[in-house]
């Protein structure tokens, strides 16, 4: 399997879980945070929706300079806007990956702040770490926020406690 096909498969699996989480965000609580040092719910959920966008950006550019970026986050999104933003970013990511060769994904990509280079890595590593792993990390945070707000948490790698069947059969261990 080519690298781009493997990345697309992983993105589709992980983004499906993120989408389920974003559908449940109570956007009437966008200004809520569990701690004064934590991101507010609206900012965190927007970040989760935006992160698949790093894939297309990484493929299309060779670097990101924090001093020259023109970033304007979505503010106070509705649930529908969060899901639409996420879906658009996933669509663009898949399209960019479909057009990327193994050689494209091996090219170096740099994150910098002016002259200070934070890191340079192959694009495939940036996609896995800065897009996929970053998305999973913040989705985990979002699941905690939902739990603290008493919103049923969807399953991501199987059913969640909120989705468990009422009665599960007890399986005795052969080891006693």
Protein backbone atom coordinates (compact mmCIF):
# COMPACT_ATOMS: atom_id res chain seq x y z
CA UNK A 1 0.00 0.00 0.00
CA UNK A 2 1.33 3.43 -0.86
CA UNK A 3 1.95 5.87 1.96
CA UNK A 4 -0.85 8.21 0.83
CA UNK A 5 -3.43 5.37 0.89
CA UNK A 6 -2.32 4.37 4.40
CA UNK A 7 -2.60 7.97 5.61
CA UNK A 8 -6.05 8.35 4.01
CA UNK A 9 -7.28 5.19 5.76
CA UNK A 10 -6.00 6.42 9.12
CA UNK A 11 -7.48 9.88 8.58
CA UNK A 12 -10.88 8.43 7.69
CA UNK A 13 -10.93 6.28 10.82
CA UNK A 14 -9.78 9.03 13.19
CA UNK A 15 -11.88 11.78 11.64
CA UNK A 16 -15.04 9.66 11.96
CA UNK A 17 -14.44 9.58 15.72
CA UNK A 18 -13.75 13.31 15.83
CA UNK A 19 -16.92 14.01 13.88
CA UNK A 20 -19.03 12.04 16.39
CA UNK A 21 -17.47 14.07 19.20
CA UNK A 22 -18.06 17.40 17.44
CA UNK A 23 -21.72 16.55 16.79
CA UNK A 24 -22.26 16.46 20.57
CA UNK A 25 -20.55 19.69 21.55
CA UNK A 26 -23.02 21.86 23.49
CA UNK A 27 -22.13 25.10 21.74
CA UNK A 28 -24.30 27.09 24.11
CA UNK A 29 -21.41 26.39 26.54
CA UNK A 30 -18.59 27.59 24.22
CA UNK A 31 -17.20 29.87 26.94
CA UNK A 32 -16.92 27.03 29.49
CA UNK A 33 -13.56 25.60 30.55
CA UNK A 34 -12.82 23.07 33.30
CA UNK A 35 -9.93 25.17 34.63
CA UNK A 36 -8.67 28.72 34.20
CA UNK A 37 -5.59 27.42 32.32
CA UNK A 38 -7.67 25.25 29.97
CA UNK A 39 -8.94 26.18 26.53
CA UNK A 40 -12.58 27.14 26.41
CA UNK A 41 -14.92 24.57 24.91
CA UNK A 42 -15.55 26.62 21.75
CA UNK A 43 -11.83 27.08 21.08
CA UNK A 44 -11.02 23.41 21.78
CA UNK A 45 -13.82 22.06 19.59
CA UNK A 46 -12.86 24.45 16.78
CA UNK A 47 -9.25 23.27 17.06
CA UNK A 48 -10.36 19.64 16.70
CA UNK A 49 -12.39 20.59 13.62
CA UNK A 50 -9.47 22.51 12.11
CA UNK A 51 -6.68 19.97 12.64
CA UNK A 52 -7.38 17.82 9.56
CA UNK A 53 -6.62 21.01 7.62
CA UNK A 54 -2.96 20.62 8.59
CA UNK A 55 -2.75 17.67 6.18
CA UNK A 56 -3.46 19.66 3.01
CA UNK A 57 -1.40 22.59 4.25
CA UNK A 58 1.58 20.32 4.94
CA UNK A 59 1.40 18.76 1.49
CA UNK A 60 0.94 22.08 -0.30
CA UNK A 61 3.61 24.10 1.55
CA UNK A 62 7.15 23.37 2.67
CA UNK A 63 7.01 25.33 5.91
CA UNK A 64 4.94 27.31 8.35
CA UNK A 65 6.36 30.45 9.90
CA UNK A 66 4.34 31.51 12.94
CA UNK A 67 5.45 35.11 12.38
CA UNK A 68 3.93 35.19 8.88
CA UNK A 69 0.76 33.19 9.30
CA UNK A 70 -2.60 34.81 8.77
CA UNK A 71 -4.73 32.66 11.06
CA UNK A 72 -8.21 33.68 12.14
CA UNK A 73 -10.01 31.01 14.13
CA UNK A 74 -13.72 30.46 13.88
CA UNK A 75 -15.34 31.94 16.98
CA UNK A 76 -18.46 30.73 18.75
CA UNK A 77 -19.36 28.06 16.19
CA UNK A 78 -22.59 26.12 16.24
CA UNK A 79 -22.50 22.32 16.20
CA UNK A 80 -23.43 22.39 12.53
CA UNK A 81 -20.59 24.82 11.75
CA UNK A 82 -18.10 22.65 13.65
CA UNK A 83 -19.11 19.54 11.73
CA UNK A 84 -19.09 21.40 8.39
CA UNK A 85 -15.62 22.84 9.11
CA UNK A 86 -14.34 19.40 10.08
CA UNK A 87 -15.87 17.74 7.01
CA UNK A 88 -14.40 20.37 4.67
CA UNK A 89 -10.94 19.97 6.21
CA UNK A 90 -11.15 16.16 5.94
CA UNK A 91 -12.28 16.41 2.29
CA UNK A 92 -9.40 18.77 1.46
CA UNK A 93 -6.95 16.52 3.31
CA UNK A 94 -8.05 13.43 1.39
CA UNK A 95 -7.83 15.28 -1.94
CA UNK A 96 -4.32 16.50 -1.10
CA UNK A 97 -3.24 13.03 0.00
CA UNK A 98 -4.66 11.43 -3.14
CA UNK A 99 -2.40 13.67 -5.21
CA UNK A 100 0.71 13.09 -3.07
CA UNK A 101 3.35 10.58 -4.10
CA UNK A 102 5.63 8.74 -1.69
CA UNK A 103 8.38 11.15 -2.82
CA UNK A 104 6.18 14.15 -1.97
CA UNK A 105 5.57 12.76 1.51
CA UNK A 106 9.32 12.27 2.07
CA UNK A 107 10.10 15.95 1.38
CA UNK A 108 11.17 18.03 4.38
CA UNK A 109 8.72 20.38 6.08
CA UNK A 110 9.79 23.08 8.54
CA UNK A 111 8.01 24.75 11.43
CA UNK A 112 9.61 28.03 12.37
CA UNK A 113 9.16 31.31 14.15
CA UNK A 114 11.12 33.72 12.02
CA UNK A 115 14.74 32.60 11.98
CA UNK A 116 14.20 30.14 14.84
CA UNK A 117 13.59 26.68 13.40
CA UNK A 118 11.41 24.62 15.72
CA UNK A 119 11.78 21.44 13.65
CA UNK A 120 12.23 20.02 10.18
CA UNK A 121 10.76 16.58 9.44
CA UNK A 122 9.50 14.62 6.44
CA UNK A 123 5.96 15.66 5.50
CA UNK A 124 4.60 12.17 6.29
CA UNK A 125 5.90 12.52 9.87
CA UNK A 126 4.40 16.01 10.21
CA UNK A 127 1.04 14.67 9.01
CA UNK A 128 1.09 11.85 11.55
CA UNK A 129 2.33 13.96 14.47
CA UNK A 130 1.03 17.50 13.93
CA UNK A 131 -2.28 16.53 12.33
CA UNK A 132 -3.33 13.01 13.35
CA UNK A 133 -1.75 12.64 16.81
CA UNK A 134 -2.55 16.26 17.62
CA UNK A 135 -6.19 15.68 16.64
CA UNK A 136 -6.42 12.54 18.79
CA UNK A 137 -4.86 14.37 21.74
CA UNK A 138 -7.31 17.26 21.63
CA UNK A 139 -10.24 14.93 20.90
CA UNK A 140 -9.34 13.17 24.16
CA UNK A 141 -9.48 16.50 25.95
CA UNK A 142 -12.83 17.18 24.31
CA UNK A 143 -14.17 13.85 25.56
CA UNK A 144 -13.29 14.89 29.12
CA UNK A 145 -15.01 18.24 28.62
CA UNK A 146 -18.15 16.44 27.40
CA UNK A 147 -18.06 14.09 30.38
CA UNK A 148 -17.72 17.02 32.80
CA UNK A 149 -20.69 18.71 31.09
CA UNK A 150 -22.71 15.48 31.42
CA UNK A 151 -22.91 15.01 27.64
CA UNK A 152 -22.88 11.33 26.58
CA UNK A 153 -19.45 10.55 25.15
CA UNK A 154 -19.45 8.62 21.86
CA UNK A 155 -17.28 5.56 21.42
CA UNK A 156 -14.11 5.99 19.45
CA UNK A 157 -12.38 2.61 19.40
CA UNK A 158 -15.42 0.62 20.40
CA UNK A 159 -18.43 1.55 22.51
CA UNK A 160 -18.04 4.10 25.29
CA UNK A 161 -19.53 3.63 28.72
CA UNK A 162 -22.47 5.72 27.50
CA UNK A 163 -23.04 3.34 24.58
CA UNK A 164 -22.56 0.04 26.41
CA UNK A 165 -25.43 -2.42 26.25
CA UNK A 166 -27.47 -2.47 29.46
CA UNK A 167 -26.47 -6.00 30.37
CA UNK A 168 -23.30 -7.65 29.18
CA UNK A 169 -22.76 -11.37 29.63
CA UNK A 170 -20.28 -12.32 32.33
CA UNK A 171 -17.44 -14.37 30.96
CA UNK A 172 -15.63 -16.56 33.45
CA UNK A 173 -11.88 -16.74 33.04
CA UNK A 174 -10.37 -20.15 32.43
CA UNK A 175 -7.59 -19.11 34.79
CA UNK A 176 -9.97 -18.87 37.72
